[in-house]
C-alpha atoms as a PDB file:
ATOM      1  CA  UNK A   1       4.998 -13.501  -1.093  1.00  0.00           C
ATOM      2  CA  UNK A   2       1.722 -11.755  -1.914  1.00  0.00           C
ATOM      3  CA  UNK A   3       0.859  -8.821   0.300  1.00  0.00           C
ATOM      4  CA  UNK A   4      -1.965  -6.299   0.294  1.00  0.00           C
ATOM      5  CA  UNK A   5      -0.925  -2.678   0.699  1.00  0.00           C
ATOM      6  CA  UNK A   6      -3.774  -0.328   1.524  1.00  0.00           C
ATOM      7  CA  UNK A   7      -3.060   3.387   1.163  1.00  0.00           C
ATOM      8  CA  UNK A   8      -5.609   6.009   2.130  1.00  0.00           C
ATOM      9  CA  UNK A   9      -5.632   9.748   2.562  1.00  0.00           C
ATOM     10  CA  UNK A  10      -7.060  13.006   1.332  1.00  0.00           C
ATOM     11  CA  UNK A  11      -7.863  12.883  -2.374  1.00  0.00           C
ATOM     12  CA  UNK A  12      -5.285  14.923  -4.289  1.00  0.00           C
ATOM     13  CA  UNK A  13      -3.348  15.004  -7.526  1.00  0.00           C
ATOM     14  CA  UNK A  14      -0.362  12.653  -7.426  1.00  0.00           C
ATOM     15  CA  UNK A  15      -1.710  10.224  -4.821  1.00  0.00           C
ATOM     16  CA  UNK A  16      -1.356   7.157  -7.077  1.00  0.00           C
ATOM     17  CA  UNK A  17       1.957   8.368  -8.512  1.00  0.00           C
ATOM     18  CA  UNK A  18       3.532   8.883  -5.093  1.00  0.00           C
ATOM     19  CA  UNK A  19       2.522   5.416  -3.822  1.00  0.00           C
ATOM     20  CA  UNK A  20       3.712   3.794  -7.073  1.00  0.00           C
ATOM     21  CA  UNK A  21       7.005   5.697  -6.873  1.00  0.00           C
ATOM     22  CA  UNK A  22       7.500   4.551  -3.271  1.00  0.00           C
ATOM     23  CA  UNK A  23       6.959   0.945  -4.377  1.00  0.00           C
ATOM     24  CA  UNK A  24       9.402   1.293  -7.275  1.00  0.00           C
ATOM     25  CA  UNK A  25      12.066   2.867  -5.054  1.00  0.00           C
ATOM     26  CA  UNK A  26      11.837  -0.083  -2.645  1.00  0.00           C
ATOM     27  CA  UNK A  27      11.681  -2.896  -5.243  1.00  0.00           C
ATOM     28  CA  UNK A  28       8.041  -3.624  -4.425  1.00  0.00           C
ATOM     29  CA  UNK A  29       6.347  -5.046  -7.507  1.00  0.00           C
ATOM     30  CA  UNK A  30       2.708  -3.983  -7.968  1.00  0.00           C
ATOM     31  CA  UNK A  31       0.765  -6.956  -9.327  1.00  0.00           C
ATOM     32  CA  UNK A  32      -2.710  -5.431  -9.230  1.00  0.00           C
ATOM     33  CA  UNK A  33      -4.373  -2.325  -7.870  1.00  0.00           C
ATOM     34  CA  UNK A  34      -7.776  -0.823  -7.400  1.00  0.00           C
ATOM     35  CA  UNK A  35      -8.770   2.634  -6.285  1.00  0.00           C
ATOM     36  CA  UNK A  36     -11.839   4.378  -5.016  1.00  0.00           C
ATOM     37  CA  UNK A  37     -12.692   7.905  -3.983  1.00  0.00           C
ATOM     38  CA  UNK A  38     -15.445   8.923  -1.599  1.00  0.00           C
ATOM     39  CA  UNK A  39     -16.195  12.193   0.178  1.00  0.00           C
ATOM     40  CA  UNK A  40     -12.698  13.595  -0.272  1.00  0.00           C
ATOM     41  CA  UNK A  41     -10.930  10.405   0.791  1.00  0.00           C
ATOM     42  CA  UNK A  42      -8.899   8.321  -1.647  1.00  0.00           C
ATOM     43  CA  UNK A  43      -8.181   4.630  -1.099  1.00  0.00           C
ATOM     44  CA  UNK A  44      -5.797   2.391  -3.033  1.00  0.00           C
ATOM     45  CA  UNK A  45      -5.550  -1.354  -2.561  1.00  0.00           C
ATOM     46  CA  UNK A  46      -2.484  -2.920  -4.128  1.00  0.00           C
ATOM     47  CA  UNK A  47      -1.525  -6.556  -4.444  1.00  0.00           C
ATOM     48  CA  UNK A  48       2.258  -6.442  -4.172  1.00  0.00           C
ATOM     49  CA  UNK A  49       5.170  -8.858  -4.392  1.00  0.00           C
ATOM     50  CA  UNK A  50       8.008  -8.260  -1.933  1.00  0.00           C
ATOM     51  CA  UNK A  51      10.333 -10.967  -3.340  1.00  0.00           C
ATOM     52  CA  UNK A  52      12.959  -8.416  -4.419  1.00  0.00           C
ATOM     53  CA  UNK A  53      12.365  -5.935  -1.607  1.00  0.00           C
ATOM     54  CA  UNK A  54      14.378  -5.376   1.545  1.00  0.00           C
ATOM     55  CA  UNK A  55      13.451  -7.406   4.647  1.00  0.00           C
ATOM     56  CA  UNK A  56       9.869  -6.829   5.786  1.00  0.00           C
ATOM     57  CA  UNK A  57      10.901  -4.936   8.917  1.00  0.00           C
ATOM     58  CA  UNK A  58      12.882  -2.479   6.760  1.00  0.00           C
ATOM     59  CA  UNK A  59      10.021  -2.060   4.283  1.00  0.00           C
ATOM     60  CA  UNK A  60       7.628  -1.315   7.159  1.00  0.00           C
ATOM     61  CA  UNK A  61      10.048   1.272   8.587  1.00  0.00           C
ATOM     62  CA  UNK A  62      10.295   3.071   5.236  1.00  0.00           C
ATOM     63  CA  UNK A  63       6.511   2.867   4.814  1.00  0.00           C
ATOM     64  CA  UNK A  64       5.946   4.531   8.166  1.00  0.00           C
ATOM     65  CA  UNK A  65       8.286   7.417   7.266  1.00  0.00           C
ATOM     66  CA  UNK A  66       6.657   7.766   3.837  1.00  0.00           C
ATOM     67  CA  UNK A  67       3.157   7.780   5.342  1.00  0.00           C
ATOM     68  CA  UNK A  68       4.110  10.455   7.878  1.00  0.00           C
ATOM     69  CA  UNK A  69       5.734  12.610   5.197  1.00  0.00           C
ATOM     70  CA  UNK A  70       2.750  12.365   2.802  1.00  0.00           C
ATOM     71  CA  UNK A  71      -0.073  12.337   5.349  1.00  0.00           C
ATOM     72  CA  UNK A  72      -1.213   8.893   4.198  1.00  0.00           C
ATOM     73  CA  UNK A  73      -2.380   5.908   6.187  1.00  0.00           C
ATOM     74  CA  UNK A  74      -0.648   2.723   4.976  1.00  0.00           C
ATOM     75  CA  UNK A  75      -1.344  -0.856   6.034  1.00  0.00           C
ATOM     76  CA  UNK A  76       0.658  -3.837   4.762  1.00  0.00           C
ATOM     77  CA  UNK A  77      -0.786  -7.304   5.375  1.00  0.00           C
ATOM     78  CA  UNK A  78       0.052 -10.729   4.054  1.00  0.00           C
ATOM     79  CA  UNK A  79      -2.559 -11.636   1.443  1.00  0.00           C
ATOM     80  CA  UNK A  80      -3.780 -14.666   3.450  1.00  0.00           C
ATOM     81  CA  UNK A  81      -4.333 -12.549   6.583  1.00  0.00           C
ATOM     82  CA  UNK A  82      -6.063  -9.821   4.590  1.00  0.00           C
ATOM     83  CA  UNK A  83      -8.342 -12.387   2.953  1.00  0.00           C
ATOM     84  CA  UNK A  84      -9.207 -14.084   6.259  1.00  0.00           C
ATOM     85  CA  UNK A  85     -10.016 -10.818   8.029  1.00  0.00           C
ATOM     86  CA  UNK A  86     -12.053  -9.333   5.162  1.00  0.00           C
ATOM     87  CA  UNK A  87     -14.190 -12.266   4.048  1.00  0.00           C
ATOM     88  CA  UNK A  88     -17.869 -11.992   4.769  1.00  0.00           C
ATOM     89  CA  UNK A  89     -19.366 -15.249   6.000  1.00  0.00           C
END
């Protein structure tokens, strides 16, 4: 049930807190995270467990609303798909 959640947007105070709060509110367990900031843009990559979350379609719906409200760009991919599409050969 490992998924990669990528959150990006304008660098600002509370970016990490708001994404973490969203995850907590939707029973999404954060297993690992990394962040980077470059030229005013902030990017978080989170390894998350959705075992206790609502069905995936519901999680995606809430994510879309959250992203629109906060001005973030969120992408949720199964870990295997993320790994396959981001490996350099």
